[in-house]
N, C-alpha and C. Protein backbone atom coordinates (compact mmCIF):
# COMPACT_ATOMS: atom_id res chain seq x y z
N MET A 1 -20.84 25.14 17.07
CA MET A 1 -20.51 23.83 16.55
C MET A 1 -21.11 23.63 15.16
N ALA A 2 -22.34 24.02 14.97
CA ALA A 2 -22.97 23.83 13.67
C ALA A 2 -22.28 24.65 12.60
N ARG A 3 -21.83 25.81 12.97
CA ARG A 3 -21.15 26.65 12.00
C ARG A 3 -19.82 26.03 11.55
N THR A 4 -19.10 25.43 12.47
CA THR A 4 -17.85 24.75 12.12
C THR A 4 -18.13 23.57 11.21
N TRP A 5 -19.20 22.83 11.49
CA TRP A 5 -19.56 21.66 10.68
C TRP A 5 -19.86 22.08 9.24
N ILE A 6 -20.57 23.18 9.08
CA ILE A 6 -20.93 23.64 7.74
C ILE A 6 -19.70 24.16 7.00
N ARG A 7 -18.82 24.83 7.69
CA ARG A 7 -17.67 25.43 7.04
C ARG A 7 -16.57 24.42 6.77
N ARG A 8 -16.50 23.33 7.50
CA ARG A 8 -15.42 22.35 7.34
C ARG A 8 -15.96 20.93 7.19
N PRO A 9 -16.78 20.67 6.18
CA PRO A 9 -17.30 19.31 6.03
C PRO A 9 -16.27 18.33 5.50
N HIS A 10 -15.13 18.84 5.02
CA HIS A 10 -14.12 17.94 4.47
C HIS A 10 -13.33 17.21 5.55
N VAL A 11 -13.32 17.71 6.76
CA VAL A 11 -12.54 17.07 7.82
C VAL A 11 -13.08 15.68 8.16
N PRO A 12 -14.38 15.48 8.40
CA PRO A 12 -14.85 14.12 8.67
C PRO A 12 -14.68 13.18 7.46
N VAL A 13 -14.76 13.72 6.27
CA VAL A 13 -14.58 12.89 5.08
C VAL A 13 -13.13 12.42 4.99
N LEU A 14 -12.18 13.30 5.30
CA LEU A 14 -10.78 12.90 5.29
C LEU A 14 -10.48 11.89 6.39
N ILE A 15 -11.13 12.03 7.53
CA ILE A 15 -10.95 11.04 8.60
C ILE A 15 -11.52 9.69 8.15
N GLY A 16 -12.66 9.71 7.49
CA GLY A 16 -13.24 8.47 6.96
C GLY A 16 -12.35 7.83 5.91
N ALA A 17 -11.73 8.65 5.06
CA ALA A 17 -10.82 8.13 4.04
C ALA A 17 -9.59 7.50 4.70
N ALA A 18 -9.11 8.11 5.77
CA ALA A 18 -7.96 7.54 6.48
C ALA A 18 -8.33 6.21 7.13
N VAL A 19 -9.54 6.12 7.67
CA VAL A 19 -9.99 4.86 8.26
C VAL A 19 -10.09 3.77 7.19
N LEU A 20 -10.63 4.12 6.02
CA LEU A 20 -10.70 3.15 4.92
C LEU A 20 -9.32 2.70 4.49
N LEU A 21 -8.38 3.63 4.43
CA LEU A 21 -7.02 3.30 4.03
C LEU A 21 -6.37 2.35 5.03
N VAL A 22 -6.52 2.64 6.31
CA VAL A 22 -5.94 1.77 7.34
C VAL A 22 -6.60 0.39 7.31
N ALA A 23 -7.92 0.35 7.14
CA ALA A 23 -8.61 -0.95 7.06
C ALA A 23 -8.14 -1.75 5.85
N GLY A 24 -7.92 -1.08 4.74
CA GLY A 24 -7.42 -1.76 3.55
C GLY A 24 -6.02 -2.32 3.74
N VAL A 25 -5.17 -1.54 4.37
CA VAL A 25 -3.80 -2.01 4.61
C VAL A 25 -3.79 -3.17 5.59
N VAL A 26 -4.62 -3.08 6.62
CA VAL A 26 -4.70 -4.18 7.59
C VAL A 26 -5.19 -5.46 6.91
N LEU A 27 -6.21 -5.34 6.06
CA LEU A 27 -6.67 -6.52 5.33
C LEU A 27 -5.61 -7.03 4.36
N LEU A 28 -4.83 -6.13 3.80
CA LEU A 28 -3.81 -6.53 2.84
C LEU A 28 -2.69 -7.32 3.49
N ILE A 29 -2.31 -6.95 4.72
CA ILE A 29 -1.22 -7.65 5.39
C ILE A 29 -1.71 -8.79 6.27
N SER A 30 -3.01 -8.96 6.35
CA SER A 30 -3.55 -10.06 7.15
C SER A 30 -3.30 -11.40 6.44
N PRO A 31 -3.29 -12.48 7.17
CA PRO A 31 -3.02 -13.78 6.55
C PRO A 31 -4.21 -14.36 5.78
N LEU A 32 -5.30 -13.64 5.70
CA LEU A 32 -6.47 -14.14 4.97
C LEU A 32 -6.24 -14.03 3.47
N ASP A 33 -6.73 -15.02 2.75
CA ASP A 33 -6.52 -15.06 1.30
C ASP A 33 -7.82 -14.85 0.55
N GLY A 34 -7.71 -14.84 -0.74
CA GLY A 34 -8.89 -14.83 -1.60
C GLY A 34 -9.53 -13.47 -1.71
N LEU A 35 -10.80 -13.43 -1.35
CA LEU A 35 -11.60 -12.23 -1.51
C LEU A 35 -11.11 -11.07 -0.65
N PHE A 36 -10.45 -11.38 0.46
CA PHE A 36 -9.99 -10.31 1.35
C PHE A 36 -8.88 -9.47 0.71
N GLY A 37 -8.07 -10.07 -0.12
CA GLY A 37 -7.04 -9.31 -0.82
C GLY A 37 -7.66 -8.33 -1.81
N ALA A 38 -8.66 -8.79 -2.53
CA ALA A 38 -9.36 -7.91 -3.47
C ALA A 38 -10.10 -6.81 -2.74
N LEU A 39 -10.74 -7.16 -1.63
CA LEU A 39 -11.45 -6.16 -0.83
C LEU A 39 -10.47 -5.12 -0.28
N ALA A 40 -9.29 -5.57 0.10
CA ALA A 40 -8.28 -4.64 0.60
C ALA A 40 -7.89 -3.62 -0.46
N TRP A 41 -7.67 -4.09 -1.69
CA TRP A 41 -7.30 -3.16 -2.75
C TRP A 41 -8.44 -2.23 -3.10
N VAL A 42 -9.66 -2.71 -3.06
CA VAL A 42 -10.82 -1.84 -3.33
C VAL A 42 -10.90 -0.75 -2.26
N LEU A 43 -10.70 -1.11 -1.00
CA LEU A 43 -10.74 -0.11 0.08
C LEU A 43 -9.62 0.91 -0.07
N ILE A 44 -8.43 0.46 -0.44
CA ILE A 44 -7.31 1.38 -0.59
C ILE A 44 -7.55 2.36 -1.74
N VAL A 45 -8.00 1.85 -2.88
CA VAL A 45 -8.27 2.72 -4.03
C VAL A 45 -9.41 3.68 -3.72
N ALA A 46 -10.45 3.20 -3.05
CA ALA A 46 -11.57 4.07 -2.69
C ALA A 46 -11.13 5.17 -1.72
N ALA A 47 -10.28 4.82 -0.77
CA ALA A 47 -9.80 5.82 0.19
C ALA A 47 -8.97 6.89 -0.51
N ILE A 48 -8.11 6.48 -1.42
CA ILE A 48 -7.29 7.46 -2.14
C ILE A 48 -8.17 8.35 -3.01
N ALA A 49 -9.11 7.77 -3.72
CA ALA A 49 -10.00 8.56 -4.57
C ALA A 49 -10.84 9.53 -3.73
N LEU A 50 -11.36 9.06 -2.61
CA LEU A 50 -12.16 9.92 -1.75
C LEU A 50 -11.33 11.07 -1.19
N GLY A 51 -10.12 10.78 -0.78
CA GLY A 51 -9.24 11.84 -0.26
C GLY A 51 -8.88 12.86 -1.31
N VAL A 52 -8.57 12.40 -2.52
CA VAL A 52 -8.20 13.32 -3.61
C VAL A 52 -9.39 14.20 -3.99
N LEU A 53 -10.56 13.60 -4.14
CA LEU A 53 -11.74 14.40 -4.49
C LEU A 53 -12.09 15.40 -3.40
N THR A 54 -11.97 14.98 -2.15
CA THR A 54 -12.28 15.88 -1.04
C THR A 54 -11.32 17.05 -1.01
N LEU A 55 -10.04 16.77 -1.15
CA LEU A 55 -9.07 17.87 -1.15
C LEU A 55 -9.25 18.78 -2.36
N PHE A 56 -9.60 18.22 -3.50
CA PHE A 56 -9.83 19.04 -4.69
C PHE A 56 -11.01 19.98 -4.48
N PHE A 57 -12.13 19.44 -3.99
CA PHE A 57 -13.31 20.29 -3.83
C PHE A 57 -13.21 21.23 -2.64
N SER A 58 -12.38 20.91 -1.66
CA SER A 58 -12.22 21.84 -0.54
C SER A 58 -11.32 23.02 -0.92
N ARG A 59 -10.47 22.83 -1.94
CA ARG A 59 -9.58 23.90 -2.39
C ARG A 59 -10.10 24.64 -3.61
N ALA A 60 -11.13 24.11 -4.25
CA ALA A 60 -11.65 24.73 -5.47
C ALA A 60 -12.33 26.05 -5.13
N PRO A 61 -12.26 27.03 -6.03
CA PRO A 61 -12.94 28.30 -5.78
C PRO A 61 -14.47 28.10 -5.69
N LYS A 62 -15.10 28.92 -4.89
CA LYS A 62 -16.54 28.77 -4.64
C LYS A 62 -17.41 29.49 -5.65
N SER A 63 -16.84 30.19 -6.59
CA SER A 63 -17.65 30.97 -7.52
C SER A 63 -18.17 30.19 -8.68
């Protein structure tokens, strides 16, 4: 188990990014106004940035 965790640390990060994305979308379509709309967009942008960076560094050469 520890060996899998060390070799694939991007999997939990991608799961976390997906959770942030879903939370942002749920807040965006919720009937709450004001700060919740801004928070929703912040969560969505953060999830996309986290996913892109994770995929970039997981595919980058190790040398």
